[in-house]
Amino acid sequence: MTFSLPIDAEANALLDRDPLAVVTAITLDQQVTMEKAFNSPYVLSQRLGHDPSATELADFEPEELIAIFATPPALHRFPKAMATRVQEVCRVLVDQYGGEAVGLWADVTSGDELYKRILALPGFGKQKAQIFVALLGKQYGVQPTGWREAAGGYGEEGSFKSVADIVDDQSLAKVRAYKKQMKAEAKAAKA
């Protein structure tokens, strides 16, 4: 898999090589731009001086981790809440998957099981869980039986609805257009 987001090339390379970076990015992907969320694991690695493990982040002194997240430029617009959330997700990875992010999906036998595992992560609702299932299926080759159905509309072949569909500048533009349309429709529905 090769991430091709409009972020630092090293950030894309980290997402390619480190499953925990992908889990961290998708955890952060709310109320900030997709680019910010997916670049932040790289910035975190730079600030730590190495690529962290789930065990390291789970065991980090919470106030120190918050300070790392809050250092300008902050890793998220809500650094305290999201440092806490990333730490909570890492604790689940340690407690349930041996500290390995790939454990979240390595032995799943169905899309439904994958979806349920992801949905059980702290801060993951239906939409985020579906997007992550789609991302794993479309870009990481994690394709247990029924993964497209578990991903809902995000799993559709040829769709351009989320980070799962971005492979180049053209697909990025299509995803941005879709998100803009969804926001406009939501705004119109409220009016």
N, C-alpha and C. Protein backbone atom coordinates (compact mmCIF):
# COMPACT_ATOMS: atom_id res chain seq x y z
N MET A 1 0.84 -1.17 0.00
CA MET A 1 0.00 0.00 0.00
C MET A 1 0.88 1.23 0.00
N THR A 2 0.46 2.23 -0.69
CA THR A 2 1.22 3.46 -0.70
C THR A 2 0.27 4.62 -0.49
N PHE A 3 0.38 5.23 0.66
CA PHE A 3 -0.43 6.41 0.92
C PHE A 3 0.03 7.53 0.01
N SER A 4 -0.92 8.29 -0.47
CA SER A 4 -0.61 9.41 -1.34
C SER A 4 -1.44 10.61 -0.92
N LEU A 5 -1.36 10.93 0.36
CA LEU A 5 -2.07 12.09 0.87
C LEU A 5 -1.22 13.33 0.66
N PRO A 6 -1.84 14.50 0.59
CA PRO A 6 -1.07 15.73 0.40
C PRO A 6 -0.43 16.17 1.72
N ILE A 7 0.46 15.31 2.22
CA ILE A 7 1.18 15.57 3.46
C ILE A 7 2.65 15.29 3.21
N ASP A 8 3.49 15.52 4.19
CA ASP A 8 4.91 15.27 4.10
C ASP A 8 5.16 13.85 3.58
N ALA A 9 6.11 13.70 2.66
CA ALA A 9 6.41 12.38 2.09
C ALA A 9 6.80 11.39 3.19
N GLU A 10 7.52 11.87 4.20
CA GLU A 10 7.90 11.00 5.31
C GLU A 10 6.68 10.56 6.12
N ALA A 11 5.67 11.42 6.20
CA ALA A 11 4.43 11.06 6.90
C ALA A 11 3.72 9.95 6.14
N ASN A 12 3.67 10.05 4.82
CA ASN A 12 3.08 8.98 4.01
C ASN A 12 3.87 7.69 4.19
N ALA A 13 5.20 7.79 4.21
CA ALA A 13 6.05 6.60 4.36
C ALA A 13 5.80 5.94 5.72
N LEU A 14 5.64 6.75 6.77
CA LEU A 14 5.34 6.19 8.09
C LEU A 14 4.01 5.44 8.07
N LEU A 15 3.00 6.01 7.42
CA LEU A 15 1.70 5.34 7.32
C LEU A 15 1.82 4.02 6.56
N ASP A 16 2.73 3.97 5.59
CA ASP A 16 2.94 2.75 4.83
C ASP A 16 3.57 1.65 5.67
N ARG A 17 4.50 2.03 6.55
CA ARG A 17 5.28 1.01 7.26
C ARG A 17 4.78 0.69 8.66
N ASP A 18 3.97 1.56 9.25
CA ASP A 18 3.63 1.39 10.66
C ASP A 18 2.11 1.38 10.88
N PRO A 19 1.56 0.19 11.11
CA PRO A 19 0.11 0.10 11.34
C PRO A 19 -0.38 0.96 12.50
N LEU A 20 0.45 1.14 13.54
CA LEU A 20 0.03 1.98 14.66
C LEU A 20 -0.16 3.42 14.21
N ALA A 21 0.67 3.88 13.27
CA ALA A 21 0.52 5.24 12.75
C ALA A 21 -0.85 5.41 12.08
N VAL A 22 -1.29 4.38 11.38
CA VAL A 22 -2.60 4.43 10.72
C VAL A 22 -3.71 4.44 11.76
N VAL A 23 -3.60 3.60 12.78
CA VAL A 23 -4.61 3.60 13.85
C VAL A 23 -4.65 4.96 14.53
N THR A 24 -3.48 5.53 14.81
CA THR A 24 -3.40 6.84 15.44
C THR A 24 -4.04 7.90 14.55
N ALA A 25 -3.72 7.87 13.26
CA ALA A 25 -4.26 8.86 12.32
C ALA A 25 -5.78 8.80 12.25
N ILE A 26 -6.33 7.60 12.13
CA ILE A 26 -7.78 7.48 12.02
C ILE A 26 -8.44 7.88 13.34
N THR A 27 -7.75 7.64 14.46
CA THR A 27 -8.26 8.09 15.76
C THR A 27 -8.35 9.61 15.79
N LEU A 28 -7.35 10.28 15.24
CA LEU A 28 -7.30 11.74 15.24
C LEU A 28 -8.17 12.38 14.17
N ASP A 29 -8.69 11.58 13.25
CA ASP A 29 -9.42 12.11 12.10
C ASP A 29 -10.86 12.50 12.46
N GLN A 30 -10.96 13.59 13.22
CA GLN A 30 -12.26 14.20 13.53
C GLN A 30 -12.00 15.63 13.95
N GLN A 31 -12.79 16.52 13.45
CA GLN A 31 -12.74 17.94 13.77
C GLN A 31 -11.40 18.59 13.44
N VAL A 32 -10.65 17.97 12.55
CA VAL A 32 -9.47 18.56 11.92
C VAL A 32 -9.46 18.07 10.48
N THR A 33 -8.63 18.69 9.67
CA THR A 33 -8.55 18.21 8.29
C THR A 33 -7.95 16.80 8.26
N MET A 34 -8.31 16.08 7.24
CA MET A 34 -7.77 14.75 7.03
C MET A 34 -6.24 14.82 6.96
N GLU A 35 -5.74 15.84 6.29
CA GLU A 35 -4.29 16.00 6.15
C GLU A 35 -3.64 16.16 7.53
N LYS A 36 -4.23 16.97 8.38
CA LYS A 36 -3.70 17.18 9.73
C LYS A 36 -3.69 15.86 10.50
N ALA A 37 -4.80 15.15 10.46
CA ALA A 37 -4.91 13.88 11.20
C ALA A 37 -3.87 12.87 10.74
N PHE A 38 -3.66 12.76 9.44
CA PHE A 38 -2.77 11.73 8.92
C PHE A 38 -1.30 12.16 8.91
N ASN A 39 -1.03 13.44 9.11
CA ASN A 39 0.35 13.92 9.26
C ASN A 39 0.80 13.84 10.72
N SER A 40 -0.14 13.91 11.65
CA SER A 40 0.20 13.99 13.08
C SER A 40 0.99 12.78 13.62
N PRO A 41 0.75 11.54 13.17
CA PRO A 41 1.60 10.46 13.69
C PRO A 41 3.09 10.68 13.37
N TYR A 42 3.36 11.26 12.21
CA TYR A 42 4.75 11.56 11.85
C TYR A 42 5.32 12.64 12.76
N VAL A 43 4.54 13.68 13.02
CA VAL A 43 5.00 14.75 13.91
C VAL A 43 5.24 14.18 15.31
N LEU A 44 4.35 13.30 15.76
CA LEU A 44 4.53 12.66 17.06
C LEU A 44 5.84 11.87 17.08
N SER A 45 6.11 11.11 16.04
CA SER A 45 7.37 10.35 15.96
C SER A 45 8.58 11.28 15.99
N GLN A 46 8.49 12.40 15.29
CA GLN A 46 9.59 13.37 15.30
C GLN A 46 9.82 13.91 16.71
N ARG A 47 8.74 14.23 17.40
CA ARG A 47 8.86 14.80 18.74
C ARG A 47 9.42 13.79 19.73
N LEU A 48 9.11 12.52 19.54
CA LEU A 48 9.62 11.47 20.44
C LEU A 48 11.03 11.03 20.04
N GLY A 49 11.40 11.29 18.80
CA GLY A 49 12.71 10.86 18.31
C GLY A 49 12.72 9.45 17.77
N HIS A 50 11.55 8.81 17.69
CA HIS A 50 11.42 7.44 17.17
C HIS A 50 9.93 7.15 16.95
N ASP A 51 9.67 6.07 16.23
CA ASP A 51 8.28 5.64 16.04
C ASP A 51 7.84 4.93 17.32
N PRO A 52 6.80 5.44 17.99
CA PRO A 52 6.39 4.83 19.25
C PRO A 52 5.66 3.51 19.05
N SER A 53 5.69 2.70 20.09
CA SER A 53 4.89 1.47 20.10
C SER A 53 3.60 1.75 20.85
N ALA A 54 2.64 0.87 20.68
CA ALA A 54 1.38 1.00 21.42
C ALA A 54 1.64 0.90 22.92
N THR A 55 2.55 0.03 23.31
CA THR A 55 2.87 -0.12 24.73
C THR A 55 3.47 1.17 25.28
N GLU A 56 4.37 1.78 24.54
CA GLU A 56 4.97 3.04 24.99
C GLU A 56 3.91 4.11 25.19
N LEU A 57 3.02 4.26 24.22
CA LEU A 57 1.98 5.29 24.33
C LEU A 57 0.98 4.96 25.43
N ALA A 58 0.66 3.69 25.58
CA ALA A 58 -0.28 3.28 26.64
C ALA A 58 0.28 3.59 28.02
N ASP A 59 1.60 3.44 28.18
CA ASP A 59 2.24 3.62 29.47
C ASP A 59 2.76 5.04 29.71
N PHE A 60 2.63 5.91 28.72
CA PHE A 60 3.15 7.27 28.83
C PHE A 60 2.48 8.00 29.99
N GLU A 61 3.23 8.83 30.67
CA GLU A 61 2.64 9.66 31.71
C GLU A 61 1.65 10.59 31.03
N PRO A 62 0.37 10.55 31.39
CA PRO A 62 -0.66 11.28 30.65
C PRO A 62 -0.38 12.77 30.45
N GLU A 63 0.06 13.47 31.46
CA GLU A 63 0.32 14.91 31.31
C GLU A 63 1.47 15.19 30.36
N GLU A 64 2.46 14.30 30.34
CA GLU A 64 3.58 14.46 29.40
C GLU A 64 3.10 14.25 27.96
N LEU A 65 2.25 13.25 27.76
CA LEU A 65 1.73 13.00 26.42
C LEU A 65 0.87 14.17 25.95
N ILE A 66 0.06 14.71 26.84
CA ILE A 66 -0.75 15.88 26.50
C ILE A 66 0.15 17.04 26.11
N ALA A 67 1.24 17.24 26.84
CA ALA A 67 2.17 18.33 26.52
C ALA A 67 2.79 18.14 25.14
N ILE A 68 3.11 16.90 24.79
CA ILE A 68 3.67 16.61 23.46
C ILE A 68 2.63 16.92 22.38
N PHE A 69 1.39 16.54 22.62
CA PHE A 69 0.31 16.81 21.67
C PHE A 69 0.02 18.31 21.55
N ALA A 70 0.19 19.04 22.64
CA ALA A 70 -0.18 20.46 22.66
C ALA A 70 0.93 21.38 22.18
N THR A 71 2.17 20.90 22.11
CA THR A 71 3.27 21.74 21.65
C THR A 71 2.96 22.28 20.26
N PRO A 72 3.08 23.61 20.06
CA PRO A 72 2.77 24.18 18.75
C PRO A 72 3.71 23.67 17.65
N PRO A 73 3.20 23.38 16.48
CA PRO A 73 1.77 23.29 16.19
C PRO A 73 1.19 22.01 16.81
N ALA A 74 0.08 22.18 17.51
CA ALA A 74 -0.57 21.06 18.19
C ALA A 74 -0.92 19.96 17.20
N LEU A 75 -0.91 18.72 17.68
CA LEU A 75 -1.23 17.58 16.82
C LEU A 75 -2.71 17.50 16.48
N HIS A 76 -3.53 18.22 17.22
CA HIS A 76 -4.96 18.23 17.00
C HIS A 76 -5.52 19.50 17.60
N ARG A 77 -6.67 19.93 17.14
CA ARG A 77 -7.23 21.17 17.71
C ARG A 77 -7.68 20.98 19.15
N PHE A 78 -7.86 19.73 19.57
CA PHE A 78 -8.17 19.40 20.96
C PHE A 78 -7.07 18.46 21.49
N PRO A 79 -5.89 19.00 21.75
CA PRO A 79 -4.75 18.14 22.08
C PRO A 79 -4.93 17.31 23.34
N LYS A 80 -5.54 17.87 24.38
CA LYS A 80 -5.71 17.11 25.62
C LYS A 80 -6.64 15.92 25.41
N ALA A 81 -7.79 16.19 24.81
CA ALA A 81 -8.76 15.12 24.58
C ALA A 81 -8.20 14.04 23.65
N MET A 82 -7.49 14.46 22.62
CA MET A 82 -7.03 13.48 21.64
C MET A 82 -5.78 12.74 22.10
N ALA A 83 -4.93 13.37 22.92
CA ALA A 83 -3.82 12.62 23.52
C ALA A 83 -4.39 11.52 24.41
N THR A 84 -5.42 11.87 25.16
CA THR A 84 -6.08 10.90 26.03
C THR A 84 -6.71 9.79 25.19
N ARG A 85 -7.36 10.15 24.10
CA ARG A 85 -8.02 9.16 23.24
C ARG A 85 -7.00 8.21 22.61
N VAL A 86 -5.90 8.75 22.10
CA VAL A 86 -4.87 7.90 21.50
C VAL A 86 -4.32 6.95 22.56
N GLN A 87 -4.10 7.45 23.77
CA GLN A 87 -3.60 6.59 24.84
C GLN A 87 -4.61 5.49 25.18
N GLU A 88 -5.90 5.84 25.21
CA GLU A 88 -6.94 4.83 25.48
C GLU A 88 -6.96 3.76 24.40
N VAL A 89 -6.84 4.17 23.13
CA VAL A 89 -6.83 3.21 22.03
C VAL A 89 -5.60 2.30 22.15
N CYS A 90 -4.45 2.88 22.48
CA CYS A 90 -3.24 2.08 22.65
C CYS A 90 -3.38 1.09 23.81
N ARG A 91 -4.06 1.48 24.85
CA ARG A 91 -4.28 0.56 25.98
C ARG A 91 -5.13 -0.63 25.55
N VAL A 92 -6.11 -0.41 24.69
CA VAL A 92 -6.91 -1.52 24.15
C VAL A 92 -6.01 -2.42 23.30
N LEU A 93 -5.16 -1.82 22.48
CA LEU A 93 -4.25 -2.62 21.64
C LEU A 93 -3.33 -3.48 22.52
N VAL A 94 -2.86 -2.92 23.62
CA VAL A 94 -2.00 -3.67 24.53
C VAL A 94 -2.79 -4.76 25.24
N ASP A 95 -3.94 -4.41 25.77
CA ASP A 95 -4.73 -5.37 26.56
C ASP A 95 -5.33 -6.50 25.74
N GLN A 96 -5.73 -6.20 24.50
CA GLN A 96 -6.46 -7.19 23.72
C GLN A 96 -5.70 -7.76 22.52
N TYR A 97 -4.65 -7.05 22.06
CA TYR A 97 -3.99 -7.47 20.82
C TYR A 97 -2.47 -7.53 20.96
N GLY A 98 -1.99 -7.76 22.18
CA GLY A 98 -0.56 -7.94 22.38
C GLY A 98 0.28 -6.71 22.06
N GLY A 99 -0.36 -5.54 22.06
CA GLY A 99 0.37 -4.31 21.77
C GLY A 99 0.64 -4.08 20.29
N GLU A 100 0.06 -4.92 19.47
CA GLU A 100 0.28 -4.81 18.02
C GLU A 100 -0.97 -4.30 17.32
N ALA A 101 -0.84 -3.19 16.62
CA ALA A 101 -1.99 -2.64 15.89
C ALA A 101 -2.54 -3.64 14.89
N VAL A 102 -1.68 -4.40 14.24
CA VAL A 102 -2.17 -5.38 13.26
C VAL A 102 -3.02 -6.46 13.91
N GLY A 103 -2.85 -6.65 15.22
CA GLY A 103 -3.67 -7.62 15.92
C GLY A 103 -5.15 -7.30 15.84
N LEU A 104 -5.44 -6.03 15.62
CA LEU A 104 -6.82 -5.58 15.49
C LEU A 104 -7.50 -6.26 14.30
N TRP A 105 -6.73 -6.55 13.25
CA TRP A 105 -7.32 -7.11 12.04
C TRP A 105 -6.67 -8.41 11.55
N ALA A 106 -5.56 -8.82 12.11
CA ALA A 106 -4.78 -9.93 11.56
C ALA A 106 -5.55 -11.25 11.45
N ASP A 107 -6.37 -11.58 12.42
CA ASP A 107 -7.01 -12.90 12.43
C ASP A 107 -8.52 -12.85 12.26
N VAL A 108 -9.04 -11.72 11.78
CA VAL A 108 -10.50 -11.64 11.62
C VAL A 108 -10.95 -12.55 10.49
N THR A 109 -12.13 -13.11 10.65
CA THR A 109 -12.65 -14.02 9.63
C THR A 109 -13.82 -13.44 8.85
N SER A 110 -14.31 -12.28 9.30
CA SER A 110 -15.42 -11.66 8.58
C SER A 110 -15.34 -10.15 8.71
N GLY A 111 -15.95 -9.48 7.76
CA GLY A 111 -16.04 -8.03 7.81
C GLY A 111 -16.79 -7.57 9.05
N ASP A 112 -17.80 -8.31 9.43
CA ASP A 112 -18.58 -7.95 10.61
C ASP A 112 -17.71 -7.99 11.87
N GLU A 113 -16.86 -9.02 11.98
CA GLU A 113 -15.97 -9.12 13.14
C GLU A 113 -14.97 -7.95 13.15
N LEU A 114 -14.43 -7.61 11.98
CA LEU A 114 -13.50 -6.49 11.88
C LEU A 114 -14.19 -5.19 12.29
N TYR A 115 -15.38 -4.98 11.77
CA TYR A 115 -16.15 -3.78 12.12
C TYR A 115 -16.40 -3.71 13.63
N LYS A 116 -16.79 -4.82 14.23
CA LYS A 116 -17.08 -4.83 15.68
C LYS A 116 -15.83 -4.54 16.51
N ARG A 117 -14.69 -5.09 16.09
CA ARG A 117 -13.44 -4.82 16.81
C ARG A 117 -13.10 -3.32 16.76
N ILE A 118 -13.24 -2.75 15.58
CA ILE A 118 -12.92 -1.33 15.41
C ILE A 118 -13.92 -0.47 16.17
N LEU A 119 -15.19 -0.80 16.05
CA LEU A 119 -16.24 -0.05 16.74
C LEU A 119 -16.04 -0.05 18.25
N ALA A 120 -15.42 -1.09 18.77
CA ALA A 120 -15.19 -1.19 20.22
C ALA A 120 -14.04 -0.29 20.70
N LEU A 121 -13.27 0.28 19.79
CA LEU A 121 -12.19 1.18 20.19
C LEU A 121 -12.75 2.47 20.77
N PRO A 122 -12.10 3.05 21.77
CA PRO A 122 -12.57 4.32 22.35
C PRO A 122 -12.67 5.41 21.28
N GLY A 123 -13.83 6.06 21.23
CA GLY A 123 -14.02 7.17 20.31
C GLY A 123 -14.42 6.79 18.90
N PHE A 124 -14.62 5.50 18.64
CA PHE A 124 -14.99 5.07 17.30
C PHE A 124 -16.49 4.81 17.24
N GLY A 125 -17.17 5.61 16.43
CA GLY A 125 -18.59 5.40 16.18
C GLY A 125 -18.76 4.65 14.88
N LYS A 126 -19.99 4.51 14.45
CA LYS A 126 -20.32 3.74 13.24
C LYS A 126 -19.56 4.25 12.02
N GLN A 127 -19.63 5.55 11.75
CA GLN A 127 -19.02 6.09 10.53
C GLN A 127 -17.50 5.91 10.54
N LYS A 128 -16.87 6.23 11.65
CA LYS A 128 -15.41 6.10 11.72
C LYS A 128 -15.00 4.63 11.57
N ALA A 129 -15.75 3.73 12.20
CA ALA A 129 -15.44 2.30 12.09
C ALA A 129 -15.60 1.83 10.64
N GLN A 130 -16.66 2.28 9.97
CA GLN A 130 -16.85 1.89 8.56
C GLN A 130 -15.74 2.43 7.68
N ILE A 131 -15.33 3.67 7.91
CA ILE A 131 -14.24 4.25 7.12
C ILE A 131 -12.95 3.46 7.34
N PHE A 132 -12.68 3.05 8.59
CA PHE A 132 -11.47 2.30 8.87
C PHE A 132 -11.53 0.92 8.21
N VAL A 133 -12.68 0.27 8.24
CA VAL A 133 -12.82 -1.02 7.54
C VAL A 133 -12.54 -0.82 6.05
N ALA A 134 -13.09 0.24 5.47
CA ALA A 134 -12.87 0.53 4.05
C ALA A 134 -11.39 0.81 3.78
N LEU A 135 -10.76 1.58 4.64
CA LEU A 135 -9.33 1.89 4.47
C LEU A 135 -8.50 0.62 4.50
N LEU A 136 -8.77 -0.24 5.47
CA LEU A 136 -8.03 -1.50 5.56
C LEU A 136 -8.28 -2.37 4.33
N GLY A 137 -9.52 -2.44 3.88
CA GLY A 137 -9.84 -3.28 2.72
C GLY A 137 -9.28 -2.74 1.42
N LYS A 138 -9.46 -1.45 1.20
CA LYS A 138 -9.07 -0.87 -0.09
C LYS A 138 -7.57 -0.61 -0.21
N GLN A 139 -6.92 -0.25 0.90
CA GLN A 139 -5.53 0.15 0.77
C GLN A 139 -4.54 -0.78 1.47
N TYR A 140 -5.00 -1.63 2.36
CA TYR A 140 -4.10 -2.55 3.05
C TYR A 140 -4.33 -4.00 2.69
N GLY A 141 -5.35 -4.28 1.88
CA GLY A 141 -5.61 -5.66 1.49
C GLY A 141 -6.21 -6.52 2.59
N VAL A 142 -6.74 -5.87 3.64
CA VAL A 142 -7.42 -6.61 4.72
C VAL A 142 -8.86 -6.78 4.25
N GLN A 143 -9.15 -7.96 3.68
CA GLN A 143 -10.43 -8.16 3.01
C GLN A 143 -11.11 -9.46 3.44
N PRO A 144 -11.47 -9.56 4.72
CA PRO A 144 -12.22 -10.75 5.13
C PRO A 144 -13.59 -10.77 4.45
N THR A 145 -14.19 -11.91 4.39
CA THR A 145 -15.51 -12.05 3.77
C THR A 145 -16.47 -11.00 4.34
N GLY A 146 -17.12 -10.26 3.44
CA GLY A 146 -18.12 -9.28 3.85
C GLY A 146 -17.56 -7.93 4.28
N TRP A 147 -16.28 -7.67 3.99
CA TRP A 147 -15.70 -6.40 4.44
C TRP A 147 -16.36 -5.20 3.78
N ARG A 148 -16.71 -5.32 2.50
CA ARG A 148 -17.35 -4.18 1.82
C ARG A 148 -18.70 -3.84 2.46
N GLU A 149 -19.46 -4.87 2.77
CA GLU A 149 -20.76 -4.66 3.41
C GLU A 149 -20.58 -4.04 4.80
N ALA A 150 -19.57 -4.50 5.54
CA ALA A 150 -19.31 -3.96 6.87
C ALA A 150 -18.89 -2.49 6.80
N ALA A 151 -18.25 -2.11 5.70
CA ALA A 151 -17.81 -0.73 5.52
C ALA A 151 -18.94 0.18 5.03
N GLY A 152 -20.10 -0.37 4.76
CA GLY A 152 -21.22 0.44 4.29
C GLY A 152 -20.87 1.10 2.96
N GLY A 153 -21.38 2.31 2.76
CA GLY A 153 -21.12 3.03 1.51
C GLY A 153 -19.65 3.31 1.27
N TYR A 154 -18.85 3.33 2.34
CA TYR A 154 -17.41 3.59 2.19
C TYR A 154 -16.67 2.43 1.55
N GLY A 155 -17.28 1.26 1.56
CA GLY A 155 -16.65 0.09 0.98
C GLY A 155 -16.94 -0.12 -0.49
N GLU A 156 -17.84 0.68 -1.03
CA GLU A 156 -18.22 0.51 -2.43
C GLU A 156 -17.03 0.70 -3.35
N GLU A 157 -16.93 -0.20 -4.32
CA GLU A 157 -15.87 -0.08 -5.31
C GLU A 157 -16.13 1.16 -6.16
N GLY A 158 -15.09 1.93 -6.40
CA GLY A 158 -15.22 3.11 -7.24
C GLY A 158 -15.80 4.32 -6.53
N SER A 159 -16.03 4.21 -5.23
CA SER A 159 -16.56 5.37 -4.49
C SER A 159 -15.40 6.30 -4.13
N PHE A 160 -15.74 7.54 -3.87
CA PHE A 160 -14.75 8.53 -3.47
C PHE A 160 -15.34 9.31 -2.30
N LYS A 161 -15.39 8.63 -1.13
CA LYS A 161 -16.09 9.20 0.01
C LYS A 161 -15.20 9.46 1.22
N SER A 162 -14.00 8.88 1.26
CA SER A 162 -13.19 9.00 2.46
C SER A 162 -11.71 8.80 2.14
N VAL A 163 -10.90 8.87 3.18
CA VAL A 163 -9.46 8.63 3.06
C VAL A 163 -9.18 7.26 2.45
N ALA A 164 -10.09 6.33 2.59
CA ALA A 164 -9.91 4.99 2.04
C ALA A 164 -9.78 5.01 0.52
N ASP A 165 -10.28 6.06 -0.11
CA ASP A 165 -10.32 6.13 -1.58
C ASP A 165 -9.21 6.99 -2.18
N ILE A 166 -8.37 7.58 -1.35
CA ILE A 166 -7.36 8.51 -1.87
C ILE A 166 -6.08 7.77 -2.23
N VAL A 167 -5.76 7.82 -3.52
CA VAL A 167 -4.53 7.21 -4.01
C VAL A 167 -3.70 8.19 -4.84
N ASP A 168 -4.30 9.32 -5.20
CA ASP A 168 -3.59 10.32 -5.98
C ASP A 168 -4.35 11.65 -5.88
N ASP A 169 -3.83 12.67 -6.56
CA ASP A 169 -4.46 13.99 -6.49
C ASP A 169 -5.89 13.99 -7.03
N GLN A 170 -6.14 13.22 -8.07
CA GLN A 170 -7.47 13.16 -8.67
C GLN A 170 -8.49 12.57 -7.70
N SER A 171 -8.12 11.47 -7.04
CA SER A 171 -9.05 10.86 -6.09
C SER A 171 -9.23 11.76 -4.87
N LEU A 172 -8.19 12.47 -4.48
CA LEU A 172 -8.30 13.42 -3.37
C LEU A 172 -9.33 14.50 -3.72
N ALA A 173 -9.26 15.02 -4.93
CA ALA A 173 -10.21 16.05 -5.36
C ALA A 173 -11.64 15.51 -5.33
N LYS A 174 -11.83 14.28 -5.74
CA LYS A 174 -13.17 13.68 -5.73
C LYS A 174 -13.69 13.49 -4.30
N VAL A 175 -12.82 13.07 -3.39
CA VAL A 175 -13.23 12.91 -1.99
C VAL A 175 -13.59 14.27 -1.40
N ARG A 176 -12.78 15.28 -1.68
CA ARG A 176 -13.08 16.63 -1.18
C ARG A 176 -14.42 17.13 -1.71
N ALA A 177 -14.69 16.88 -2.98
CA ALA A 177 -15.96 17.30 -3.58
C ALA A 177 -17.13 16.58 -2.91
N TYR A 178 -16.97 15.29 -2.63
CA TYR A 178 -18.02 14.53 -1.97
C TYR A 178 -18.28 15.09 -0.56
N LYS A 179 -17.22 15.35 0.18
CA LYS A 179 -17.38 15.88 1.54
C LYS A 179 -18.04 17.26 1.52
N LYS A 180 -17.67 18.07 0.56
CA LYS A 180 -18.27 19.40 0.43
C LYS A 180 -19.76 19.28 0.14
N GLN A 181 -20.12 18.35 -0.73
CA GLN A 181 -21.53 18.11 -1.06
C GLN A 181 -22.30 17.64 0.17
N MET A 182 -21.71 16.72 0.95
CA MET A 182 -22.38 16.21 2.15
C MET A 182 -22.61 17.32 3.17
N LYS A 183 -21.63 18.21 3.33
CA LYS A 183 -21.78 19.33 4.26
C LYS A 183 -22.88 20.27 3.80
N ALA A 184 -22.92 20.53 2.49
CA ALA A 184 -23.95 21.42 1.95
C ALA A 184 -25.34 20.81 2.15
N GLU A 185 -25.46 19.50 1.92
CA GLU A 185 -26.75 18.83 2.10
C GLU A 185 -27.18 18.85 3.57
N ALA A 186 -26.23 18.63 4.47
CA ALA A 186 -26.54 18.65 5.90
C ALA A 186 -26.98 20.05 6.33
N LYS A 187 -26.30 21.05 5.81
CA LYS A 187 -26.65 22.45 6.14
C LYS A 187 -28.04 22.78 5.60
N ALA A 188 -28.33 22.34 4.39
CA ALA A 188 -29.64 22.60 3.78
C ALA A 188 -30.76 21.89 4.55
N ALA A 189 -30.45 20.69 5.05
CA ALA A 189 -31.46 19.93 5.80
C ALA A 189 -31.80 20.61 7.12
N LYS A 190 -30.83 21.31 7.70
CA LYS A 190 -31.09 22.03 8.95
C LYS A 190 -31.91 23.30 8.74
N ALA A 191 -31.78 23.87 7.54
CA ALA A 191 -32.45 25.15 7.26
C ALA A 191 -33.95 25.02 7.12
